[in-house]
């Protein structure tokens, strides 16, 4: 490859990597939309950041990761970071992963006395 094509090849390669990562991150097809879960549990861990918020809860003694919405969407819809702080009790409604990983894609969350749509 000559040096005159190197910038174009680098740009193309970068675009492919970024697009692949974005598709993998937002690929909701790995969740079972036919099986809704609605656990109420105490928050064990909480993350309020990019690319989205997340919490960890215990269901029947097992730790489950819960994928929430982007912080800006949660704030716009009335969910505050304090509402999902460690020790708070929440009800999450969402879909479990198809592969058996203990993870829920949350559609809505009830926390801090309000129900917030996340998607």
N, C-alpha and C. Protein backbone atom coordinates (compact mmCIF):
# COMPACT_ATOMS: atom_id res chain seq x y z
N UNK A 1 0.86 -1.17 0.00
CA UNK A 1 0.00 0.00 0.00
C UNK A 1 0.90 1.23 0.00
N UNK A 2 0.55 2.17 -0.86
CA UNK A 2 1.34 3.39 -0.89
C UNK A 2 0.87 4.33 0.20
N UNK A 3 1.71 5.28 0.54
CA UNK A 3 1.39 6.22 1.61
C UNK A 3 0.19 7.10 1.28
N UNK A 4 -0.10 7.30 0.01
CA UNK A 4 -1.23 8.17 -0.32
C UNK A 4 -2.57 7.53 0.03
N UNK A 5 -2.63 6.20 0.14
CA UNK A 5 -3.87 5.51 0.51
C UNK A 5 -3.98 5.25 2.01
N UNK A 6 -2.91 5.44 2.74
CA UNK A 6 -2.90 5.13 4.17
C UNK A 6 -3.97 5.91 4.97
N UNK A 7 -4.12 7.23 4.76
CA UNK A 7 -5.16 7.94 5.53
C UNK A 7 -6.57 7.42 5.25
N UNK A 8 -6.84 7.11 3.99
CA UNK A 8 -8.17 6.59 3.64
C UNK A 8 -8.39 5.22 4.27
N UNK A 9 -7.39 4.37 4.25
CA UNK A 9 -7.51 3.04 4.85
C UNK A 9 -7.69 3.15 6.36
N UNK A 10 -6.97 4.06 6.97
CA UNK A 10 -7.10 4.26 8.41
C UNK A 10 -8.50 4.77 8.76
N UNK A 11 -9.00 5.71 7.99
CA UNK A 11 -10.35 6.26 8.24
C UNK A 11 -11.41 5.18 8.06
N UNK A 12 -11.28 4.38 7.01
CA UNK A 12 -12.25 3.31 6.77
C UNK A 12 -12.20 2.28 7.90
N UNK A 13 -11.01 1.88 8.28
CA UNK A 13 -10.87 0.91 9.36
C UNK A 13 -11.44 1.42 10.67
N UNK A 14 -11.21 2.68 10.97
CA UNK A 14 -11.76 3.27 12.19
C UNK A 14 -13.28 3.29 12.16
N UNK A 15 -13.84 3.64 11.01
CA UNK A 15 -15.31 3.69 10.87
C UNK A 15 -15.92 2.31 11.08
N UNK A 16 -15.28 1.28 10.55
CA UNK A 16 -15.78 -0.09 10.71
C UNK A 16 -15.74 -0.51 12.17
N UNK A 17 -14.65 -0.22 12.86
CA UNK A 17 -14.52 -0.59 14.28
C UNK A 17 -15.57 0.14 15.11
N UNK A 18 -15.76 1.42 14.89
CA UNK A 18 -16.75 2.19 15.66
C UNK A 18 -18.15 1.69 15.39
N UNK A 19 -18.49 1.44 14.13
CA UNK A 19 -19.83 0.95 13.79
C UNK A 19 -20.08 -0.43 14.39
N UNK A 20 -19.09 -1.28 14.38
CA UNK A 20 -19.23 -2.62 14.95
C UNK A 20 -19.44 -2.55 16.46
N UNK A 21 -18.68 -1.71 17.12
CA UNK A 21 -18.83 -1.56 18.57
C UNK A 21 -20.20 -1.01 18.92
N UNK A 22 -20.67 -0.03 18.17
CA UNK A 22 -21.99 0.56 18.44
C UNK A 22 -23.09 -0.48 18.22
N UNK A 23 -22.99 -1.25 17.17
CA UNK A 23 -24.00 -2.27 16.90
C UNK A 23 -24.00 -3.34 17.98
N UNK A 24 -22.83 -3.72 18.43
CA UNK A 24 -22.75 -4.74 19.49
C UNK A 24 -23.33 -4.21 20.79
N UNK A 25 -23.05 -2.96 21.10
CA UNK A 25 -23.53 -2.39 22.36
C UNK A 25 -25.05 -2.24 22.36
N UNK A 26 -25.62 -1.84 21.23
CA UNK A 26 -27.05 -1.56 21.18
C UNK A 26 -27.84 -2.70 20.55
N UNK A 27 -27.27 -3.88 20.49
CA UNK A 27 -27.96 -5.03 19.91
C UNK A 27 -28.92 -5.65 20.91
N UNK A 28 -30.15 -5.16 20.95
CA UNK A 28 -31.12 -5.64 21.92
C UNK A 28 -31.66 -7.02 21.56
N UNK A 29 -31.28 -7.57 20.43
CA UNK A 29 -31.78 -8.90 20.04
C UNK A 29 -31.27 -10.00 20.96
N UNK A 30 -30.31 -9.71 21.81
CA UNK A 30 -29.80 -10.72 22.73
C UNK A 30 -30.65 -10.84 24.00
N UNK A 31 -31.77 -10.09 24.06
CA UNK A 31 -32.68 -10.13 25.21
C UNK A 31 -33.99 -10.80 24.80
N UNK A 32 -34.62 -11.49 25.74
CA UNK A 32 -35.85 -12.23 25.49
C UNK A 32 -37.08 -11.33 25.71
N UNK A 33 -37.54 -10.70 24.63
CA UNK A 33 -38.67 -9.77 24.71
C UNK A 33 -39.99 -10.49 24.99
N UNK A 34 -39.98 -11.81 24.96
CA UNK A 34 -41.19 -12.59 25.26
C UNK A 34 -41.31 -12.90 26.75
N UNK A 35 -40.26 -12.62 27.51
CA UNK A 35 -40.25 -12.96 28.93
C UNK A 35 -39.96 -11.71 29.76
N UNK A 36 -40.99 -11.11 30.28
CA UNK A 36 -40.83 -9.90 31.09
C UNK A 36 -40.55 -10.27 32.54
N UNK A 37 -39.56 -9.61 33.12
CA UNK A 37 -39.25 -9.77 34.54
C UNK A 37 -39.66 -8.47 35.24
N UNK A 38 -40.10 -8.59 36.50
CA UNK A 38 -40.49 -7.39 37.27
C UNK A 38 -40.08 -7.55 38.74
N UNK A 39 -38.78 -7.66 38.99
CA UNK A 39 -38.33 -7.82 40.38
C UNK A 39 -38.31 -6.50 41.15
N UNK A 40 -38.57 -6.60 42.43
CA UNK A 40 -38.39 -5.48 43.36
C UNK A 40 -37.24 -5.88 44.26
N UNK A 41 -36.23 -5.03 44.34
CA UNK A 41 -35.03 -5.39 45.10
C UNK A 41 -34.27 -4.15 45.52
N UNK A 42 -33.35 -4.36 46.43
CA UNK A 42 -32.48 -3.29 46.90
C UNK A 42 -31.30 -3.15 45.94
N UNK A 43 -30.90 -1.92 45.69
CA UNK A 43 -29.76 -1.65 44.81
C UNK A 43 -28.47 -1.98 45.56
N UNK A 44 -27.67 -2.86 44.97
CA UNK A 44 -26.38 -3.26 45.56
C UNK A 44 -25.23 -2.41 45.03
N UNK A 45 -25.32 -2.04 43.74
CA UNK A 45 -24.32 -1.20 43.09
C UNK A 45 -25.06 -0.29 42.13
N UNK A 46 -24.51 0.90 41.89
CA UNK A 46 -25.16 1.86 41.01
C UNK A 46 -24.11 2.60 40.20
N UNK A 47 -24.38 2.77 38.90
CA UNK A 47 -23.49 3.51 38.02
C UNK A 47 -24.31 4.54 37.25
N UNK A 48 -23.92 5.78 37.36
CA UNK A 48 -24.64 6.88 36.72
C UNK A 48 -23.66 7.52 35.75
N UNK A 49 -23.58 6.99 34.53
CA UNK A 49 -22.59 7.51 33.59
C UNK A 49 -22.82 7.00 32.19
N UNK A 50 -21.89 7.36 31.31
CA UNK A 50 -21.98 7.00 29.89
C UNK A 50 -21.48 5.59 29.66
N UNK A 51 -21.99 4.85 28.73
CA UNK A 51 -23.01 5.27 27.77
C UNK A 51 -24.44 5.18 28.33
N UNK A 52 -24.61 4.57 29.50
CA UNK A 52 -25.92 4.49 30.13
C UNK A 52 -25.74 4.16 31.60
N UNK A 53 -26.80 4.35 32.36
CA UNK A 53 -26.75 3.99 33.77
C UNK A 53 -26.89 2.49 33.93
N UNK A 54 -26.55 2.00 35.10
CA UNK A 54 -26.67 0.57 35.40
C UNK A 54 -26.77 0.39 36.90
N UNK A 55 -27.44 -0.67 37.29
CA UNK A 55 -27.50 -1.04 38.70
C UNK A 55 -27.29 -2.54 38.81
N UNK A 56 -26.99 -2.97 40.01
CA UNK A 56 -26.92 -4.40 40.34
C UNK A 56 -27.92 -4.62 41.46
N UNK A 57 -28.76 -5.65 41.29
CA UNK A 57 -29.73 -6.02 42.32
C UNK A 57 -29.59 -7.51 42.60
N UNK A 58 -30.20 -7.97 43.68
CA UNK A 58 -30.21 -9.41 43.98
C UNK A 58 -31.62 -9.95 43.77
N UNK A 59 -31.70 -11.04 43.01
CA UNK A 59 -32.96 -11.73 42.79
C UNK A 59 -32.76 -13.16 43.26
N UNK A 60 -33.53 -13.58 44.26
CA UNK A 60 -33.39 -14.92 44.82
C UNK A 60 -31.94 -15.24 45.19
N UNK A 61 -31.27 -14.27 45.78
CA UNK A 61 -29.91 -14.47 46.24
C UNK A 61 -28.84 -14.41 45.15
N UNK A 62 -29.23 -14.11 43.91
CA UNK A 62 -28.26 -14.01 42.82
C UNK A 62 -28.16 -12.57 42.34
N UNK A 63 -26.93 -12.15 42.06
CA UNK A 63 -26.71 -10.79 41.56
C UNK A 63 -27.11 -10.69 40.10
N UNK A 64 -27.88 -9.65 39.78
CA UNK A 64 -28.30 -9.38 38.41
C UNK A 64 -27.87 -7.97 38.03
N UNK A 65 -27.27 -7.84 36.84
CA UNK A 65 -26.95 -6.54 36.28
C UNK A 65 -28.20 -6.02 35.58
N UNK A 66 -28.48 -4.74 35.73
CA UNK A 66 -29.62 -4.12 35.08
C UNK A 66 -29.11 -2.96 34.23
N UNK A 67 -29.35 -3.04 32.93
CA UNK A 67 -28.94 -1.99 31.99
C UNK A 67 -30.06 -0.96 31.92
N UNK A 68 -29.73 0.28 32.26
CA UNK A 68 -30.70 1.36 32.25
C UNK A 68 -30.54 2.20 30.98
N UNK A 69 -31.11 3.37 30.94
CA UNK A 69 -31.03 4.27 29.79
C UNK A 69 -29.86 5.23 29.94
N UNK A 70 -29.57 6.01 28.90
CA UNK A 70 -28.56 7.06 29.04
C UNK A 70 -28.97 8.04 30.15
N UNK A 71 -27.99 8.59 30.83
CA UNK A 71 -28.25 9.49 31.95
C UNK A 71 -29.13 10.67 31.53
N UNK A 72 -28.87 11.26 30.38
CA UNK A 72 -29.66 12.42 29.94
C UNK A 72 -31.14 12.06 29.81
N UNK A 73 -31.44 10.89 29.30
CA UNK A 73 -32.84 10.46 29.17
C UNK A 73 -33.47 10.25 30.54
N UNK A 74 -32.73 9.61 31.45
CA UNK A 74 -33.28 9.38 32.79
C UNK A 74 -33.56 10.69 33.49
N UNK A 75 -32.64 11.65 33.38
CA UNK A 75 -32.84 12.95 34.02
C UNK A 75 -34.03 13.68 33.42
N UNK A 76 -34.13 13.67 32.10
CA UNK A 76 -35.24 14.34 31.41
C UNK A 76 -36.58 13.77 31.85
N UNK A 77 -36.62 12.49 32.11
CA UNK A 77 -37.87 11.83 32.47
C UNK A 77 -38.11 11.81 33.98
N UNK A 78 -37.23 12.42 34.74
CA UNK A 78 -37.48 12.61 36.17
C UNK A 78 -36.79 11.66 37.12
N UNK A 79 -35.88 10.83 36.63
CA UNK A 79 -35.14 9.94 37.53
C UNK A 79 -33.85 10.62 37.94
N UNK A 80 -33.60 10.68 39.21
CA UNK A 80 -32.37 11.29 39.73
C UNK A 80 -31.39 10.20 40.16
N UNK A 81 -30.13 10.55 40.18
CA UNK A 81 -29.10 9.60 40.61
C UNK A 81 -29.40 9.07 42.01
N UNK A 82 -29.91 9.92 42.89
CA UNK A 82 -30.23 9.51 44.26
C UNK A 82 -31.34 8.45 44.30
N UNK A 83 -32.21 8.43 43.28
CA UNK A 83 -33.31 7.46 43.25
C UNK A 83 -32.81 6.02 43.09
N UNK A 84 -31.61 5.87 42.50
CA UNK A 84 -31.09 4.51 42.28
C UNK A 84 -29.79 4.29 43.06
N UNK A 85 -29.60 5.06 44.11
CA UNK A 85 -28.39 4.93 44.93
C UNK A 85 -28.37 3.59 45.66
N UNK A 86 -27.18 3.15 46.01
CA UNK A 86 -27.02 1.91 46.77
C UNK A 86 -27.88 1.97 48.03
N UNK A 87 -28.61 0.89 48.26
CA UNK A 87 -29.48 0.81 49.43
C UNK A 87 -30.93 1.15 49.15
N UNK A 88 -31.20 1.83 48.03
CA UNK A 88 -32.57 2.18 47.68
C UNK A 88 -33.28 0.93 47.15
N UNK A 89 -34.60 0.88 47.31
CA UNK A 89 -35.39 -0.22 46.77
C UNK A 89 -36.03 0.24 45.46
N UNK A 90 -35.90 -0.59 44.43
CA UNK A 90 -36.43 -0.27 43.11
C UNK A 90 -37.22 -1.47 42.58
N UNK A 91 -38.11 -1.18 41.64
CA UNK A 91 -38.77 -2.24 40.88
C UNK A 91 -38.38 -2.01 39.43
N UNK A 92 -37.83 -3.03 38.82
CA UNK A 92 -37.37 -2.95 37.44
C UNK A 92 -38.27 -3.83 36.59
N UNK A 93 -38.70 -3.31 35.45
CA UNK A 93 -39.45 -4.13 34.50
C UNK A 93 -38.64 -4.18 33.21
N UNK A 94 -38.32 -5.39 32.78
CA UNK A 94 -37.49 -5.52 31.59
C UNK A 94 -37.34 -6.95 31.16
N UNK A 95 -36.37 -7.17 30.30
CA UNK A 95 -36.17 -8.47 29.65
C UNK A 95 -34.81 -9.07 29.98
N UNK A 96 -34.79 -10.37 30.27
CA UNK A 96 -33.51 -11.03 30.57
C UNK A 96 -32.76 -11.39 29.28
N UNK A 97 -31.47 -11.61 29.42
CA UNK A 97 -30.66 -12.05 28.27
C UNK A 97 -31.06 -13.46 27.87
N UNK A 98 -30.98 -13.71 26.59
CA UNK A 98 -31.30 -15.03 26.06
C UNK A 98 -30.27 -16.09 26.44
N UNK A 99 -29.02 -15.69 26.61
CA UNK A 99 -27.95 -16.66 26.84
C UNK A 99 -27.82 -17.11 28.30
N UNK A 100 -28.72 -16.63 29.16
CA UNK A 100 -28.67 -17.05 30.56
C UNK A 100 -27.84 -16.16 31.47
N UNK A 101 -27.12 -15.20 30.89
CA UNK A 101 -26.39 -14.24 31.70
C UNK A 101 -27.39 -13.49 32.56
N UNK A 102 -27.06 -13.28 33.82
CA UNK A 102 -27.98 -12.59 34.73
C UNK A 102 -27.91 -11.08 34.48
N UNK A 103 -28.62 -10.67 33.44
CA UNK A 103 -28.67 -9.27 33.05
C UNK A 103 -30.06 -8.96 32.52
N UNK A 104 -30.57 -7.79 32.89
CA UNK A 104 -31.90 -7.35 32.46
C UNK A 104 -31.76 -6.04 31.68
N UNK A 105 -32.42 -5.97 30.56
CA UNK A 105 -32.55 -4.72 29.81
C UNK A 105 -33.82 -4.05 30.33
N UNK A 106 -33.67 -2.97 31.08
CA UNK A 106 -34.81 -2.33 31.72
C UNK A 106 -35.61 -1.48 30.75
N UNK A 107 -36.91 -1.66 30.76
CA UNK A 107 -37.83 -0.84 29.99
C UNK A 107 -38.36 0.30 30.85
N UNK A 108 -38.55 0.03 32.13
CA UNK A 108 -39.01 1.06 33.08
C UNK A 108 -38.50 0.70 34.46
N UNK A 109 -38.46 1.72 35.31
CA UNK A 109 -38.02 1.52 36.68
C UNK A 109 -38.91 2.35 37.59
N UNK A 110 -39.27 1.75 38.71
CA UNK A 110 -40.00 2.48 39.74
C UNK A 110 -39.00 2.71 40.88
N UNK A 111 -38.74 3.98 41.14
CA UNK A 111 -37.74 4.35 42.15
C UNK A 111 -38.06 5.75 42.64
N UNK A 112 -37.81 5.99 43.89
CA UNK A 112 -38.05 7.33 44.42
C UNK A 112 -39.49 7.77 44.32
N UNK A 113 -40.41 6.80 44.38
CA UNK A 113 -41.83 7.11 44.36
C UNK A 113 -42.42 7.40 42.99
N UNK A 114 -41.67 7.12 41.92
CA UNK A 114 -42.18 7.36 40.57
C UNK A 114 -41.75 6.26 39.62
N UNK A 115 -42.56 6.06 38.59
CA UNK A 115 -42.21 5.10 37.53
C UNK A 115 -41.73 5.88 36.33
N UNK A 116 -40.56 5.49 35.81
CA UNK A 116 -39.93 6.19 34.71
C UNK A 116 -39.73 5.23 33.53
N UNK A 117 -40.23 5.65 32.35
CA UNK A 117 -40.01 4.89 31.13
C UNK A 117 -38.57 5.14 30.67
N UNK A 118 -37.86 4.06 30.35
CA UNK A 118 -36.45 4.19 30.00
C UNK A 118 -36.17 4.08 28.50
N UNK A 119 -37.05 3.49 27.75
CA UNK A 119 -36.78 3.30 26.31
C UNK A 119 -37.62 4.21 25.46
